[in-house]
Amino acid sequence: MKTIILTLSAAKDLDALPLDARELVESGLHRYAMTGQGDVKRLQGREGFRLRIGNYRVIFDENLTTILAIYVGRRDTATYKRR
């Protein structure tokens, strides 16, 4: 299992989600950390990956032991432009 670390902005993003969406994102992120399973793709044009969980996206970096979540939120036109 990998350790999940949220940046301050990702933690604020997650807290701002409705309760049901927050639980969905948290369970999807934990599932990926434990099993490596999930809809994950490498980002184009910048470093990192995205995890798709329904209409929500988690933008993250990872190494062998940790997942660093950078952004959590609903997919929209600005999702991949955040840094």
N, C-alpha and C. Protein backbone atom coordinates (compact mmCIF):
# COMPACT_ATOMS: atom_id res chain seq x y z
N MET A 1 0.85 -1.19 0.00
CA MET A 1 0.00 0.00 0.00
C MET A 1 0.89 1.25 0.00
N LYS A 2 0.50 2.21 -0.81
CA LYS A 2 1.21 3.48 -0.86
C LYS A 2 0.57 4.46 0.12
N THR A 3 1.39 5.37 0.62
CA THR A 3 0.90 6.41 1.51
C THR A 3 0.31 7.54 0.67
N ILE A 4 -0.87 8.02 1.05
CA ILE A 4 -1.52 9.12 0.34
C ILE A 4 -1.25 10.42 1.08
N ILE A 5 -0.72 11.40 0.37
CA ILE A 5 -0.46 12.72 0.93
C ILE A 5 -1.22 13.74 0.10
N LEU A 6 -1.95 14.61 0.76
CA LEU A 6 -2.67 15.68 0.06
C LEU A 6 -1.94 17.00 0.27
N THR A 7 -1.77 17.76 -0.81
CA THR A 7 -1.26 19.11 -0.64
C THR A 7 -2.34 19.91 0.06
N LEU A 8 -1.99 21.07 0.58
CA LEU A 8 -2.97 21.91 1.26
C LEU A 8 -4.13 22.26 0.32
N SER A 9 -3.82 22.60 -0.93
CA SER A 9 -4.90 22.95 -1.86
C SER A 9 -5.76 21.74 -2.20
N ALA A 10 -5.17 20.55 -2.32
CA ALA A 10 -5.96 19.35 -2.59
C ALA A 10 -6.86 19.00 -1.40
N ALA A 11 -6.35 19.20 -0.19
CA ALA A 11 -7.17 18.96 1.00
C ALA A 11 -8.36 19.92 1.04
N LYS A 12 -8.13 21.18 0.68
CA LYS A 12 -9.23 22.16 0.63
C LYS A 12 -10.22 21.79 -0.46
N ASP A 13 -9.71 21.35 -1.62
CA ASP A 13 -10.59 20.91 -2.72
C ASP A 13 -11.47 19.75 -2.26
N LEU A 14 -10.87 18.79 -1.59
CA LEU A 14 -11.61 17.61 -1.13
C LEU A 14 -12.66 18.01 -0.09
N ASP A 15 -12.31 18.89 0.83
CA ASP A 15 -13.26 19.34 1.85
C ASP A 15 -14.43 20.10 1.24
N ALA A 16 -14.22 20.75 0.10
CA ALA A 16 -15.27 21.54 -0.53
C ALA A 16 -16.28 20.69 -1.30
N LEU A 17 -15.96 19.43 -1.54
CA LEU A 17 -16.87 18.56 -2.28
C LEU A 17 -18.06 18.17 -1.40
N PRO A 18 -19.20 17.89 -2.03
CA PRO A 18 -20.34 17.35 -1.27
C PRO A 18 -19.94 16.01 -0.62
N LEU A 19 -20.58 15.65 0.45
CA LEU A 19 -20.21 14.47 1.23
C LEU A 19 -20.16 13.20 0.39
N ASP A 20 -21.17 12.96 -0.44
CA ASP A 20 -21.18 11.74 -1.24
C ASP A 20 -20.04 11.71 -2.25
N ALA A 21 -19.74 12.85 -2.85
CA ALA A 21 -18.63 12.93 -3.80
C ALA A 21 -17.30 12.75 -3.08
N ARG A 22 -17.17 13.33 -1.90
CA ARG A 22 -15.94 13.20 -1.12
C ARG A 22 -15.68 11.73 -0.77
N GLU A 23 -16.72 11.02 -0.35
CA GLU A 23 -16.56 9.61 -0.02
C GLU A 23 -16.18 8.79 -1.24
N LEU A 24 -16.78 9.12 -2.39
CA LEU A 24 -16.46 8.43 -3.64
C LEU A 24 -15.00 8.63 -4.03
N VAL A 25 -14.53 9.87 -3.96
CA VAL A 25 -13.14 10.19 -4.31
C VAL A 25 -12.18 9.52 -3.33
N GLU A 26 -12.48 9.60 -2.05
CA GLU A 26 -11.60 8.98 -1.04
C GLU A 26 -11.51 7.48 -1.25
N SER A 27 -12.63 6.83 -1.51
CA SER A 27 -12.58 5.37 -1.70
C SER A 27 -11.83 5.01 -2.98
N GLY A 28 -12.00 5.80 -4.04
CA GLY A 28 -11.27 5.54 -5.27
C GLY A 28 -9.78 5.73 -5.10
N LEU A 29 -9.39 6.75 -4.36
CA LEU A 29 -7.97 7.01 -4.10
C LEU A 29 -7.36 5.93 -3.22
N HIS A 30 -8.09 5.49 -2.20
CA HIS A 30 -7.61 4.40 -1.35
C HIS A 30 -7.49 3.09 -2.13
N ARG A 31 -8.46 2.84 -2.99
CA ARG A 31 -8.41 1.63 -3.82
C ARG A 31 -7.17 1.63 -4.69
N TYR A 32 -6.87 2.78 -5.32
CA TYR A 32 -5.69 2.87 -6.16
C TYR A 32 -4.41 2.69 -5.33
N ALA A 33 -4.37 3.29 -4.16
CA ALA A 33 -3.18 3.18 -3.31
C ALA A 33 -2.94 1.74 -2.85
N MET A 34 -4.00 1.00 -2.63
CA MET A 34 -3.86 -0.36 -2.11
C MET A 34 -3.63 -1.38 -3.22
N THR A 35 -4.29 -1.23 -4.36
CA THR A 35 -4.25 -2.27 -5.39
C THR A 35 -3.61 -1.82 -6.70
N GLY A 36 -3.50 -0.51 -6.92
CA GLY A 36 -3.00 -0.02 -8.20
C GLY A 36 -4.06 -0.03 -9.28
N GLN A 37 -5.29 -0.33 -8.91
CA GLN A 37 -6.38 -0.39 -9.88
C GLN A 37 -7.13 0.93 -9.90
N GLY A 38 -7.47 1.37 -11.09
CA GLY A 38 -8.23 2.60 -11.26
C GLY A 38 -7.98 3.14 -12.66
N ASP A 39 -8.77 4.09 -13.06
CA ASP A 39 -8.64 4.69 -14.38
C ASP A 39 -7.58 5.79 -14.30
N VAL A 40 -6.32 5.41 -14.49
CA VAL A 40 -5.20 6.32 -14.35
C VAL A 40 -4.50 6.48 -15.69
N LYS A 41 -4.18 7.73 -16.03
CA LYS A 41 -3.41 8.02 -17.24
C LYS A 41 -2.35 9.05 -16.91
N ARG A 42 -1.23 8.95 -17.62
CA ARG A 42 -0.17 9.95 -17.51
C ARG A 42 -0.65 11.23 -18.19
N LEU A 43 -0.37 12.38 -17.58
CA LEU A 43 -0.76 13.66 -18.16
C LEU A 43 0.16 13.99 -19.34
N GLN A 44 -0.40 14.66 -20.33
CA GLN A 44 0.38 15.11 -21.48
C GLN A 44 0.76 16.57 -21.29
N GLY A 45 1.99 16.90 -21.58
CA GLY A 45 2.42 18.28 -21.51
C GLY A 45 2.86 18.75 -20.14
N ARG A 46 2.79 17.88 -19.16
CA ARG A 46 3.25 18.20 -17.81
C ARG A 46 3.46 16.91 -17.03
N GLU A 47 4.12 17.02 -15.91
CA GLU A 47 4.39 15.86 -15.07
C GLU A 47 3.13 15.43 -14.33
N GLY A 48 3.03 14.16 -14.04
CA GLY A 48 1.96 13.68 -13.19
C GLY A 48 0.99 12.75 -13.88
N PHE A 49 -0.03 12.39 -13.10
CA PHE A 49 -1.06 11.45 -13.55
C PHE A 49 -2.42 12.00 -13.16
N ARG A 50 -3.46 11.41 -13.76
CA ARG A 50 -4.81 11.73 -13.33
C ARG A 50 -5.53 10.43 -13.03
N LEU A 51 -6.32 10.47 -11.97
CA LEU A 51 -7.17 9.35 -11.60
C LEU A 51 -8.61 9.80 -11.81
N ARG A 52 -9.33 9.10 -12.69
CA ARG A 52 -10.72 9.45 -12.96
C ARG A 52 -11.61 8.62 -12.05
N ILE A 53 -12.48 9.31 -11.32
CA ILE A 53 -13.45 8.67 -10.44
C ILE A 53 -14.80 9.30 -10.75
N GLY A 54 -15.54 8.68 -11.66
CA GLY A 54 -16.80 9.26 -12.12
C GLY A 54 -16.56 10.60 -12.79
N ASN A 55 -17.23 11.64 -12.33
CA ASN A 55 -17.05 12.99 -12.89
C ASN A 55 -15.94 13.76 -12.19
N TYR A 56 -15.21 13.11 -11.30
CA TYR A 56 -14.18 13.78 -10.53
C TYR A 56 -12.80 13.32 -10.96
N ARG A 57 -11.82 14.19 -10.76
CA ARG A 57 -10.45 13.88 -11.13
C ARG A 57 -9.52 14.17 -9.95
N VAL A 58 -8.52 13.33 -9.79
CA VAL A 58 -7.45 13.58 -8.84
C VAL A 58 -6.17 13.68 -9.67
N ILE A 59 -5.53 14.82 -9.63
CA ILE A 59 -4.24 15.01 -10.30
C ILE A 59 -3.18 14.73 -9.25
N PHE A 60 -2.22 13.85 -9.58
CA PHE A 60 -1.25 13.44 -8.57
C PHE A 60 0.08 13.07 -9.19
N ASP A 61 1.10 13.04 -8.35
CA ASP A 61 2.41 12.49 -8.65
C ASP A 61 2.59 11.29 -7.74
N GLU A 62 3.42 10.35 -8.14
CA GLU A 62 3.66 9.19 -7.28
C GLU A 62 5.07 8.67 -7.46
N ASN A 63 5.53 7.97 -6.43
CA ASN A 63 6.77 7.21 -6.52
C ASN A 63 6.48 5.83 -5.96
N LEU A 64 7.49 5.09 -5.58
CA LEU A 64 7.27 3.72 -5.13
C LEU A 64 6.49 3.61 -3.83
N THR A 65 6.51 4.64 -2.99
CA THR A 65 5.88 4.53 -1.68
C THR A 65 4.78 5.55 -1.41
N THR A 66 4.69 6.63 -2.19
CA THR A 66 3.71 7.68 -1.88
C THR A 66 2.94 8.14 -3.11
N ILE A 67 1.75 8.64 -2.84
CA ILE A 67 0.93 9.32 -3.83
C ILE A 67 0.72 10.73 -3.30
N LEU A 68 1.13 11.73 -4.07
CA LEU A 68 0.97 13.13 -3.68
C LEU A 68 -0.16 13.73 -4.51
N ALA A 69 -1.33 13.90 -3.90
CA ALA A 69 -2.49 14.48 -4.59
C ALA A 69 -2.32 15.99 -4.65
N ILE A 70 -2.43 16.54 -5.86
CA ILE A 70 -2.23 17.97 -6.09
C ILE A 70 -3.55 18.70 -6.27
N TYR A 71 -4.51 18.04 -6.92
CA TYR A 71 -5.81 18.66 -7.19
C TYR A 71 -6.89 17.60 -7.10
N VAL A 72 -8.02 17.95 -6.53
CA VAL A 72 -9.19 17.08 -6.46
C VAL A 72 -10.39 17.92 -6.85
N GLY A 73 -11.17 17.47 -7.83
CA GLY A 73 -12.36 18.23 -8.19
C GLY A 73 -13.10 17.66 -9.37
N ARG A 74 -14.19 18.31 -9.69
CA ARG A 74 -15.03 17.91 -10.81
C ARG A 74 -14.32 18.23 -12.11
N ARG A 75 -14.48 17.39 -13.09
CA ARG A 75 -13.87 17.60 -14.40
C ARG A 75 -14.54 18.80 -15.06
N ASP A 76 -13.73 19.78 -15.42
CA ASP A 76 -14.22 20.93 -16.20
C ASP A 76 -13.09 21.41 -17.10
N THR A 77 -13.28 22.52 -17.75
CA THR A 77 -12.28 22.98 -18.73
C THR A 77 -10.98 23.43 -18.08
N ALA A 78 -10.98 23.76 -16.80
CA ALA A 78 -9.76 24.25 -16.14
C ALA A 78 -9.07 23.18 -15.30
N THR A 79 -9.59 21.97 -15.27
CA THR A 79 -9.06 20.92 -14.39
C THR A 79 -7.58 20.69 -14.62
N TYR A 80 -7.16 20.57 -15.86
CA TYR A 80 -5.78 20.20 -16.15
C TYR A 80 -4.87 21.40 -16.29
N LYS A 81 -5.39 22.60 -16.15
CA LYS A 81 -4.57 23.80 -16.24
C LYS A 81 -4.03 24.24 -14.89
N ARG A 82 -4.52 23.67 -13.80
CA ARG A 82 -4.04 24.01 -12.46
C ARG A 82 -2.66 23.43 -12.25
N ARG A 83 -1.88 24.07 -11.46
CA ARG A 83 -0.52 23.58 -11.17
C ARG A 83 -0.35 23.36 -9.71
